[in-house]
Amino acid sequence: MNKTEMIDRIARTADISKAAAERALDATIDAIKIELSKGESVTLVGFGTFHATQRPGRTVRNPRTQEPVEVKAARVPRFRAGKALKDALN
């Protein structure tokens, strides 16, 4: 499912216009991004938790040239699925 299909599904399920569904989805994604950038986590009970972790810098090899390449440390987003989401899949 891509973003357009998600907007269509939200609009049908919530009985709202596609424009309103798109604004709602964009606002949700923006809110999650803002909280993660501040170092906070976002928990949606029954769905899961978004959080940011620190990935350390490391040395890797370029597969083509076999030369070592430095990868900088970075903050990366993570998602931990909640119990209800896990149960829905099984």
PDB file of N, CA and C in Angstrom:
ATOM      1  N   MET A   1       0.858  -1.178   0.000  1.00  0.00           N
ATOM      2  CA  MET A   1       0.000   0.000   0.000  1.00  0.00           C
ATOM      3  C   MET A   1       0.900   1.235   0.000  1.00  0.00           C
ATOM      4  N   ASN A   2       0.606   2.160  -0.888  1.00  0.00           N
ATOM      5  CA  ASN A   2       1.365   3.409  -0.922  1.00  0.00           C
ATOM      6  C   ASN A   2       0.538   4.525  -0.271  1.00  0.00           C
ATOM      7  N   LYS A   3       1.079   5.732  -0.268  1.00  0.00           N
ATOM      8  CA  LYS A   3       0.422   6.846   0.418  1.00  0.00           C
ATOM      9  C   LYS A   3      -0.956   7.151  -0.181  1.00  0.00           C
ATOM     10  N   THR A   4      -1.070   7.129  -1.503  1.00  0.00           N
ATOM     11  CA  THR A   4      -2.351   7.420  -2.156  1.00  0.00           C
ATOM     12  C   THR A   4      -3.412   6.395  -1.764  1.00  0.00           C
ATOM     13  N   GLU A   5      -3.016   5.129  -1.749  1.00  0.00           N
ATOM     14  CA  GLU A   5      -3.957   4.081  -1.350  1.00  0.00           C
ATOM     15  C   GLU A   5      -4.349   4.225   0.123  1.00  0.00           C
ATOM     16  N   MET A   6      -3.394   4.638   0.952  1.00  0.00           N
ATOM     17  CA  MET A   6      -3.678   4.857   2.375  1.00  0.00           C
ATOM     18  C   MET A   6      -4.676   6.003   2.541  1.00  0.00           C
ATOM     19  N   ILE A   7      -4.491   7.076   1.789  1.00  0.00           N
ATOM     20  CA  ILE A   7      -5.419   8.216   1.851  1.00  0.00           C
ATOM     21  C   ILE A   7      -6.816   7.784   1.425  1.00  0.00           C
ATOM     22  N   ASP A   8      -6.918   6.999   0.357  1.00  0.00           N
ATOM     23  CA  ASP A   8      -8.220   6.490  -0.094  1.00  0.00           C
ATOM     24  C   ASP A   8      -8.889   5.655   0.996  1.00  0.00           C
ATOM     25  N   ARG A   9      -8.117   4.791   1.645  1.00  0.00           N
ATOM     26  CA  ARG A   9      -8.666   3.932   2.696  1.00  0.00           C
ATOM     27  C   ARG A   9      -9.140   4.752   3.888  1.00  0.00           C
ATOM     28  N   ILE A  10      -8.338   5.743   4.294  1.00  0.00           N
ATOM     29  CA  ILE A  10      -8.721   6.606   5.421  1.00  0.00           C
ATOM     30  C   ILE A  10     -10.002   7.365   5.082  1.00  0.00           C
ATOM     31  N   ALA A  11     -10.073   7.915   3.871  1.00  0.00           N
ATOM     32  CA  ALA A  11     -11.247   8.687   3.452  1.00  0.00           C
ATOM     33  C   ALA A  11     -12.510   7.820   3.476  1.00  0.00           C
ATOM     34  N   ARG A  12     -12.405   6.593   2.959  1.00  0.00           N
ATOM     35  CA  ARG A  12     -13.567   5.685   2.955  1.00  0.00           C
ATOM     36  C   ARG A  12     -13.968   5.280   4.375  1.00  0.00           C
ATOM     37  N   THR A  13     -12.985   4.885   5.175  1.00  0.00           N
ATOM     38  CA  THR A  13     -13.266   4.379   6.517  1.00  0.00           C
ATOM     39  C   THR A  13     -13.811   5.458   7.440  1.00  0.00           C
ATOM     40  N   ALA A  14     -13.228   6.667   7.365  1.00  0.00           N
ATOM     41  CA  ALA A  14     -13.651   7.755   8.249  1.00  0.00           C
ATOM     42  C   ALA A  14     -14.788   8.576   7.656  1.00  0.00           C
ATOM     43  N   ASP A  15     -15.184   8.265   6.431  1.00  0.00           N
ATOM     44  CA  ASP A  15     -16.250   8.991   5.738  1.00  0.00           C
ATOM     45  C   ASP A  15     -15.944  10.484   5.668  1.00  0.00           C
ATOM     46  N   ILE A  16     -14.732  10.786   5.196  1.00  0.00           N
ATOM     47  CA  ILE A  16     -14.299  12.173   5.007  1.00  0.00           C
ATOM     48  C   ILE A  16     -13.758  12.313   3.588  1.00  0.00           C
ATOM     49  N   SER A  17     -13.495  13.542   3.178  1.00  0.00           N
ATOM     50  CA  SER A  17     -12.967  13.756   1.831  1.00  0.00           C
ATOM     51  C   SER A  17     -11.517  13.289   1.750  1.00  0.00           C
ATOM     52  N   LYS A  18     -11.069  13.042   0.525  1.00  0.00           N
ATOM     53  CA  LYS A  18      -9.683  12.640   0.330  1.00  0.00           C
ATOM     54  C   LYS A  18      -8.730  13.753   0.752  1.00  0.00           C
ATOM     55  N   ALA A  19      -9.119  15.001   0.517  1.00  0.00           N
ATOM     56  CA  ALA A  19      -8.272  16.135   0.915  1.00  0.00           C
ATOM     57  C   ALA A  19      -8.105  16.173   2.432  1.00  0.00           C
ATOM     58  N   ALA A  20      -9.195  15.942   3.155  1.00  0.00           N
ATOM     59  CA  ALA A  20      -9.123  15.935   4.622  1.00  0.00           C
ATOM     60  C   ALA A  20      -8.306  14.749   5.112  1.00  0.00           C
ATOM     61  N   ALA A  21      -8.451  13.614   4.461  1.00  0.00           N
ATOM     62  CA  ALA A  21      -7.680  12.427   4.838  1.00  0.00           C
ATOM     63  C   ALA A  21      -6.196  12.655   4.607  1.00  0.00           C
ATOM     64  N   GLU A  22      -5.854  13.320   3.494  1.00  0.00           N
ATOM     65  CA  GLU A  22      -4.452  13.606   3.201  1.00  0.00           C
ATOM     66  C   GLU A  22      -3.876  14.556   4.236  1.00  0.00           C
ATOM     67  N   ARG A  23      -4.635  15.598   4.594  1.00  0.00           N
ATOM     68  CA  ARG A  23      -4.165  16.535   5.620  1.00  0.00           C
ATOM     69  C   ARG A  23      -3.958  15.824   6.957  1.00  0.00           C
ATOM     70  N   ALA A  24      -4.872  14.930   7.307  1.00  0.00           N
ATOM     71  CA  ALA A  24      -4.765  14.190   8.568  1.00  0.00           C
ATOM     72  C   ALA A  24      -3.532  13.283   8.568  1.00  0.00           C
ATOM     73  N   LEU A  25      -3.317  12.571   7.479  1.00  0.00           N
ATOM     74  CA  LEU A  25      -2.156  11.681   7.385  1.00  0.00           C
ATOM     75  C   LEU A  25      -0.859  12.486   7.429  1.00  0.00           C
ATOM     76  N   ASP A  26      -0.789  13.581   6.668  1.00  0.00           N
ATOM     77  CA  ASP A  26       0.404  14.428   6.671  1.00  0.00           C
ATOM     78  C   ASP A  26       0.670  15.006   8.060  1.00  0.00           C
ATOM     79  N   ALA A  27      -0.382  15.425   8.756  1.00  0.00           N
ATOM     80  CA  ALA A  27      -0.229  15.978  10.102  1.00  0.00           C
ATOM     81  C   ALA A  27       0.291  14.913  11.065  1.00  0.00           C
ATOM     82  N   THR A  28      -0.193  13.686  10.929  1.00  0.00           N
ATOM     83  CA  THR A  28       0.259  12.592  11.786  1.00  0.00           C
ATOM     84  C   THR A  28       1.732  12.297  11.546  1.00  0.00           C
ATOM     85  N   ILE A  29       2.117  12.202  10.291  1.00  0.00           N
ATOM     86  CA  ILE A  29       3.509  11.917   9.952  1.00  0.00           C
ATOM     87  C   ILE A  29       4.410  13.049  10.439  1.00  0.00           C
ATOM     88  N   ASP A  30       3.995  14.297  10.249  1.00  0.00           N
ATOM     89  CA  ASP A  30       4.784  15.442  10.713  1.00  0.00           C
ATOM     90  C   ASP A  30       4.945  15.431  12.225  1.00  0.00           C
ATOM     91  N   ALA A  31       3.882  15.102  12.947  1.00  0.00           N
ATOM     92  CA  ALA A  31       3.951  15.063  14.410  1.00  0.00           C
ATOM     93  C   ALA A  31       4.936  13.993  14.870  1.00  0.00           C
ATOM     94  N   ILE A  32       4.927  12.839  14.216  1.00  0.00           N
ATOM     95  CA  ILE A  32       5.860  11.774  14.569  1.00  0.00           C
ATOM     96  C   ILE A  32       7.288  12.223  14.290  1.00  0.00           C
ATOM     97  N   LYS A  33       7.538  12.844  13.132  1.00  0.00           N
ATOM     98  CA  LYS A  33       8.881  13.331  12.793  1.00  0.00           C
ATOM     99  C   LYS A  33       9.391  14.344  13.805  1.00  0.00           C
ATOM    100  N   ILE A  34       8.538  15.284  14.192  1.00  0.00           N
ATOM    101  CA  ILE A  34       8.932  16.339  15.135  1.00  0.00           C
ATOM    102  C   ILE A  34       9.315  15.729  16.479  1.00  0.00           C
ATOM    103  N   GLU A  35       8.493  14.818  16.980  1.00  0.00           N
ATOM    104  CA  GLU A  35       8.787  14.199  18.282  1.00  0.00           C
ATOM    105  C   GLU A  35      10.063  13.378  18.231  1.00  0.00           C
ATOM    106  N   LEU A  36      10.277  12.630  17.146  1.00  0.00           N
ATOM    107  CA  LEU A  36      11.504  11.841  17.025  1.00  0.00           C
ATOM    108  C   LEU A  36      12.731  12.739  16.947  1.00  0.00           C
ATOM    109  N   SER A  37      12.614  13.865  16.247  1.00  0.00           N
ATOM    110  CA  SER A  37      13.756  14.780  16.136  1.00  0.00           C
ATOM    111  C   SER A  37      14.105  15.416  17.475  1.00  0.00           C
ATOM    112  N   LYS A  38      13.114  15.515  18.372  1.00  0.00           N
ATOM    113  CA  LYS A  38      13.359  16.054  19.714  1.00  0.00           C
ATOM    114  C   LYS A  38      13.877  14.977  20.671  1.00  0.00           C
ATOM    115  N   GLY A  39      13.983  13.740  20.202  1.00  0.00           N
ATOM    116  CA  GLY A  39      14.467  12.658  21.043  1.00  0.00           C
ATOM    117  C   GLY A  39      13.372  11.957  21.822  1.00  0.00           C
ATOM    118  N   GLU A  40      12.129  12.278  21.536  1.00  0.00           N
ATOM    119  CA  GLU A  40      10.989  11.663  22.220  1.00  0.00           C
ATOM    120  C   GLU A  40      10.537  10.422  21.452  1.00  0.00           C
ATOM    121  N   SER A  41       9.743   9.597  22.108  1.00  0.00           N
ATOM    122  CA  SER A  41       9.144   8.458  21.418  1.00  0.00           C
ATOM    123  C   SER A  41       7.651   8.728  21.249  1.00  0.00           C
ATOM    124  N   VAL A  42       7.053   8.056  20.293  1.00  0.00           N
ATOM    125  CA  VAL A  42       5.620   8.198  20.020  1.00  0.00           C
ATOM    126  C   VAL A  42       5.000   6.815  20.152  1.00  0.00           C
ATOM    127  N   THR A  43       4.094   6.672  21.125  1.00  0.00           N
ATOM    128  CA  THR A  43       3.445   5.392  21.371  1.00  0.00           C
ATOM    129  C   THR A  43       1.981   5.477  20.969  1.00  0.00           C
ATOM    130  N   LEU A  44       1.578   4.593  20.087  1.00  0.00           N
ATOM    131  CA  LEU A  44       0.177   4.456  19.690  1.00  0.00           C
ATOM    132  C   LEU A  44      -0.280   3.122  20.257  1.00  0.00           C
ATOM    133  N   VAL A  45      -1.018   3.179  21.361  1.00  0.00           N
ATOM    134  CA  VAL A  45      -1.409   1.974  22.086  1.00  0.00           C
ATOM    135  C   VAL A  45      -2.140   1.021  21.144  1.00  0.00           C
ATOM    136  N   GLY A  46      -1.709  -0.219  21.153  1.00  0.00           N
ATOM    137  CA  GLY A  46      -2.294  -1.239  20.295  1.00  0.00           C
ATOM    138  C   GLY A  46      -1.637  -1.327  18.934  1.00  0.00           C
ATOM    139  N   PHE A  47      -0.864  -0.315  18.564  1.00  0.00           N
ATOM    140  CA  PHE A  47      -0.201  -0.320  17.260  1.00  0.00           C
ATOM    141  C   PHE A  47       1.299  -0.502  17.426  1.00  0.00           C
ATOM    142  N   GLY A  48       1.941   0.416  18.176  1.00  0.00           N
ATOM    143  CA  GLY A  48       3.370   0.290  18.383  1.00  0.00           C
ATOM    144  C   GLY A  48       3.998   1.591  18.815  1.00  0.00           C
ATOM    145  N   THR A  49       5.332   1.575  18.886  1.00  0.00           N
ATOM    146  CA  THR A  49       6.098   2.728  19.344  1.00  0.00           C
ATOM    147  C   THR A  49       7.163   3.089  18.326  1.00  0.00           C
ATOM    148  N   PHE A  50       7.210   4.361  17.969  1.00  0.00           N
ATOM    149  CA  PHE A  50       8.278   4.904  17.137  1.00  0.00           C
ATOM    150  C   PHE A  50       9.302   5.528  18.083  1.00  0.00           C
ATOM    151  N   HIS A  51      10.582   5.272  17.861  1.00  0.00           N
ATOM    152  CA  HIS A  51      11.620   5.902  18.662  1.00  0.00           C
ATOM    153  C   HIS A  51      12.877   6.049  17.808  1.00  0.00           C
ATOM    154  N   ALA A  52      13.770   6.919  18.256  1.00  0.00           N
ATOM    155  CA  ALA A  52      15.025   7.133  17.539  1.00  0.00           C
ATOM    156  C   ALA A  52      16.160   6.536  18.358  1.00  0.00           C
ATOM    157  N   THR A  53      17.105   5.913  17.673  1.00  0.00           N
ATOM    158  CA  THR A  53      18.278   5.363  18.341  1.00  0.00           C
ATOM    159  C   THR A  53      19.531   5.913  17.675  1.00  0.00           C
ATOM    160  N   GLN A  54      20.623   5.838  18.396  1.00  0.00           N
ATOM    161  CA  GLN A  54      21.903   6.304  17.874  1.00  0.00           C
ATOM    162  C   GLN A  54      22.629   5.114  17.260  1.00  0.00           C
ATOM    163  N   ARG A  55      22.984   5.228  15.992  1.00  0.00           N
ATOM    164  CA  ARG A  55      23.771   4.188  15.330  1.00  0.00           C
ATOM    165  C   ARG A  55      25.218   4.654  15.330  1.00  0.00           C
ATOM    166  N   PRO A  56      26.131   3.869  15.873  1.00  0.00           N
ATOM    167  CA  PRO A  56      27.526   4.319  15.938  1.00  0.00           C
ATOM    168  C   PRO A  56      28.188   4.345  14.562  1.00  0.00           C
ATOM    169  N   GLY A  57      29.227   5.151  14.453  1.00  0.00           N
ATOM    170  CA  GLY A  57      30.005   5.172  13.223  1.00  0.00           C
ATOM    171  C   GLY A  57      30.746   3.852  13.076  1.00  0.00           C
ATOM    172  N   ARG A  58      31.064   3.497  11.846  1.00  0.00           N
ATOM    173  CA  ARG A  58      31.751   2.234  11.623  1.00  0.00           C
ATOM    174  C   ARG A  58      32.503   2.274  10.296  1.00  0.00           C
ATOM    175  N   THR A  59      33.351   1.303  10.118  1.00  0.00           N
ATOM    176  CA  THR A  59      34.080   1.164   8.862  1.00  0.00           C
ATOM    177  C   THR A  59      33.491  -0.014   8.102  1.00  0.00           C
ATOM    178  N   VAL A  60      33.156   0.213   6.831  1.00  0.00           N
ATOM    179  CA  VAL A  60      32.617  -0.847   5.979  1.00  0.00           C
ATOM    180  C   VAL A  60      33.497  -0.960   4.739  1.00  0.00           C
ATOM    181  N   ARG A  61      33.288  -1.992   3.954  1.00  0.00           N
ATOM    182  CA  ARG A  61      34.040  -2.169   2.715  1.00  0.00           C
ATOM    183  C   ARG A  61      33.144  -1.905   1.517  1.00  0.00           C
ATOM    184  N   ASN A  62      33.670  -1.164   0.553  1.00  0.00           N
ATOM    185  CA  ASN A  62      32.992  -0.971  -0.712  1.00  0.00           C
ATOM    186  C   ASN A  62      33.068  -2.311  -1.441  1.00  0.00           C
ATOM    187  N   PRO A  63      31.928  -2.930  -1.778  1.00  0.00           N
ATOM    188  CA  PRO A  63      31.969  -4.259  -2.403  1.00  0.00           C
ATOM    189  C   PRO A  63      32.634  -4.269  -3.779  1.00  0.00           C
ATOM    190  N   ARG A  64      32.607  -3.150  -4.458  1.00  0.00           N
ATOM    191  CA  ARG A  64      33.186  -3.102  -5.795  1.00  0.00           C
ATOM    192  C   ARG A  64      34.711  -2.963  -5.742  1.00  0.00           C
ATOM    193  N   THR A  65      35.216  -2.051  -4.898  1.00  0.00           N
ATOM    194  CA  THR A  65      36.655  -1.777  -4.866  1.00  0.00           C
ATOM    195  C   THR A  65      37.359  -2.430  -3.686  1.00  0.00           C
ATOM    196  N   GLN A  66      36.593  -2.938  -2.724  1.00  0.00           N
ATOM    197  CA  GLN A  66      37.123  -3.543  -1.507  1.00  0.00           C
ATOM    198  C   GLN A  66      37.879  -2.556  -0.615  1.00  0.00           C
ATOM    199  N   GLU A  67      37.742  -1.266  -0.894  1.00  0.00           N
ATOM    200  CA  GLU A  67      38.384  -0.254  -0.056  1.00  0.00           C
ATOM    201  C   GLU A  67      37.514   0.047   1.151  1.00  0.00           C
ATOM    202  N   PRO A  68      38.133   0.327   2.310  1.00  0.00           N
ATOM    203  CA  PRO A  68      37.343   0.688   3.489  1.00  0.00           C
ATOM    204  C   PRO A  68      36.717   2.078   3.346  1.00  0.00           C
ATOM    205  N   VAL A  69      35.500   2.212   3.850  1.00  0.00           N
ATOM    206  CA  VAL A  69      34.779   3.474   3.792  1.00  0.00           C
ATOM    207  C   VAL A  69      34.238   3.751   5.195  1.00  0.00           C
ATOM    208  N   GLU A  70      34.401   4.985   5.659  1.00  0.00           N
ATOM    209  CA  GLU A  70      33.885   5.379   6.965  1.00  0.00           C
ATOM    210  C   GLU A  70      32.422   5.781   6.841  1.00  0.00           C
ATOM    211  N   VAL A  71      31.567   5.219   7.698  1.00  0.00           N
ATOM    212  CA  VAL A  71      30.161   5.601   7.769  1.00  0.00           C
ATOM    213  C   VAL A  71      29.998   6.366   9.074  1.00  0.00           C
ATOM    214  N   LYS A  72      29.472   7.587   8.982  1.00  0.00           N
ATOM    215  CA  LYS A  72      29.327   8.435  10.157  1.00  0.00           C
ATOM    216  C   LYS A  72      28.236   7.907  11.091  1.00  0.00           C
ATOM    217  N   ALA A  73      28.363   8.265  12.351  1.00  0.00           N
ATOM    218  CA  ALA A  73      27.312   7.948  13.323  1.00  0.00           C
ATOM    219  C   ALA A  73      26.059   8.732  12.938  1.00  0.00           C
ATOM    220  N   ALA A  74      24.895   8.173  13.237  1.00  0.00           N
ATOM    221  CA  ALA A  74      23.650   8.823  12.855  1.00  0.00           C
ATOM    222  C   ALA A  74      22.523   8.397  13.791  1.00  0.00           C
ATOM    223  N   ARG A  75      21.537   9.258  13.901  1.00  0.00           N
ATOM    224  CA  ARG A  75      20.308   8.897  14.598  1.00  0.00           C
ATOM    225  C   ARG A  75      19.364   8.303  13.560  1.00  0.00           C
ATOM    226  N   VAL A  76      18.784   7.152  13.880  1.00  0.00           N
ATOM    227  CA  VAL A  76      17.912   6.469  12.931  1.00  0.00           C
ATOM    228  C   VAL A  76      16.575   6.142  13.596  1.00  0.00           C
ATOM    229  N   PRO A  77      15.476   6.180  12.831  1.00  0.00           N
ATOM    230  CA  PRO A  77      14.170   5.852  13.397  1.00  0.00           C
ATOM    231  C   PRO A  77      14.002   4.337  13.525  1.00  0.00           C
ATOM    232  N   ARG A  78      13.270   3.941  14.537  1.00  0.00           N
ATOM    233  CA  ARG A  78      12.945   2.537  14.758  1.00  0.00           C
ATOM    234  C   ARG A  78      11.457   2.425  15.078  1.00  0.00           C
ATOM    235  N   PHE A  79      10.904   1.254  14.842  1.00  0.00           N
ATOM    236  CA  PHE A  79       9.511   0.999  15.173  1.00  0.00           C
ATOM    237  C   PHE A  79       9.433  -0.338  15.891  1.00  0.00           C
ATOM    238  N   ARG A  80       8.743  -0.353  17.008  1.00  0.00           N
ATOM    239  CA  ARG A  80       8.538  -1.578  17.773  1.00  0.00           C
ATOM    240  C   ARG A  80       7.035  -1.849  17.775  1.00  0.00           C
ATOM    241  N   ALA A  81       6.624  -2.944  17.167  1.00  0.00           N
ATOM    242  CA  ALA A  81       5.206  -3.264  17.043  1.00  0.00           C
ATOM    243  C   ALA A  81       4.599  -3.599  18.399  1.00  0.00           C
ATOM    244  N   GLY A  82       3.359  -3.164  18.600  1.00  0.00           N
ATOM    245  CA  GLY A  82       2.628  -3.454  19.823  1.00  0.00           C
ATOM    246  C   GLY A  82       1.984  -4.831  19.772  1.00  0.00           C
ATOM    247  N   LYS A  83       1.526  -5.298  20.921  1.00  0.00           N
ATOM    248  CA  LYS A  83       0.948  -6.632  21.023  1.00  0.00           C
ATOM    249  C   LYS A  83      -0.268  -6.805  20.113  1.00  0.00           C
ATOM    250  N   ALA A  84      -1.158  -5.819  20.078  1.00  0.00           N
ATOM    251  CA  ALA A  84      -2.372  -5.948  19.266  1.00  0.00           C
ATOM    252  C   ALA A  84      -2.019  -6.063  17.781  1.00  0.00           C
ATOM    253  N   LEU A  85      -1.006  -5.338  17.315  1.00  0.00           N
ATOM    254  CA  LEU A  85      -0.581  -5.431  15.916  1.00  0.00           C
ATOM    255  C   LEU A  85       0.019  -6.807  15.647  1.00  0.00           C
ATOM    256  N   LYS A  86       0.843  -7.281  16.551  1.00  0.00           N
ATOM    257  CA  LYS A  86       1.427  -8.623  16.386  1.00  0.00           C
ATOM    258  C   LYS A  86       0.343  -9.690  16.352  1.00  0.00           C
ATOM    259  N   ASP A  87      -0.629  -9.565  17.267  1.00  0.00           N
ATOM    260  CA  ASP A  87      -1.726 -10.543  17.309  1.00  0.00           C
ATOM    261  C   ASP A  87      -2.576 -10.507  16.043  1.00  0.00           C
ATOM    262  N   ALA A  88      -2.748  -9.329  15.446  1.00  0.00           N
ATOM    263  CA  ALA A  88      -3.554  -9.201  14.233  1.00  0.00           C
ATOM    264  C   ALA A  88      -2.902  -9.899  13.044  1.00  0.00           C
ATOM    265  N   LEU A  89      -1.594 -10.055  13.098  1.00  0.00           N
ATOM    266  CA  LEU A  89      -0.877 -10.699  11.992  1.00  0.00           C
ATOM    267  C   LEU A  89      -0.864 -12.210  12.095  1.00  0.00           C
ATOM    268  N   ASN A  90      -1.168 -12.720  13.261  1.00  0.00           N
ATOM    269  CA  ASN A  90      -1.096 -14.182  13.453  1.00  0.00           C
ATOM    270  C   ASN A  90      -2.426 -14.781  13.690  1.00  0.00           C
TER     271      ASN A  90
END
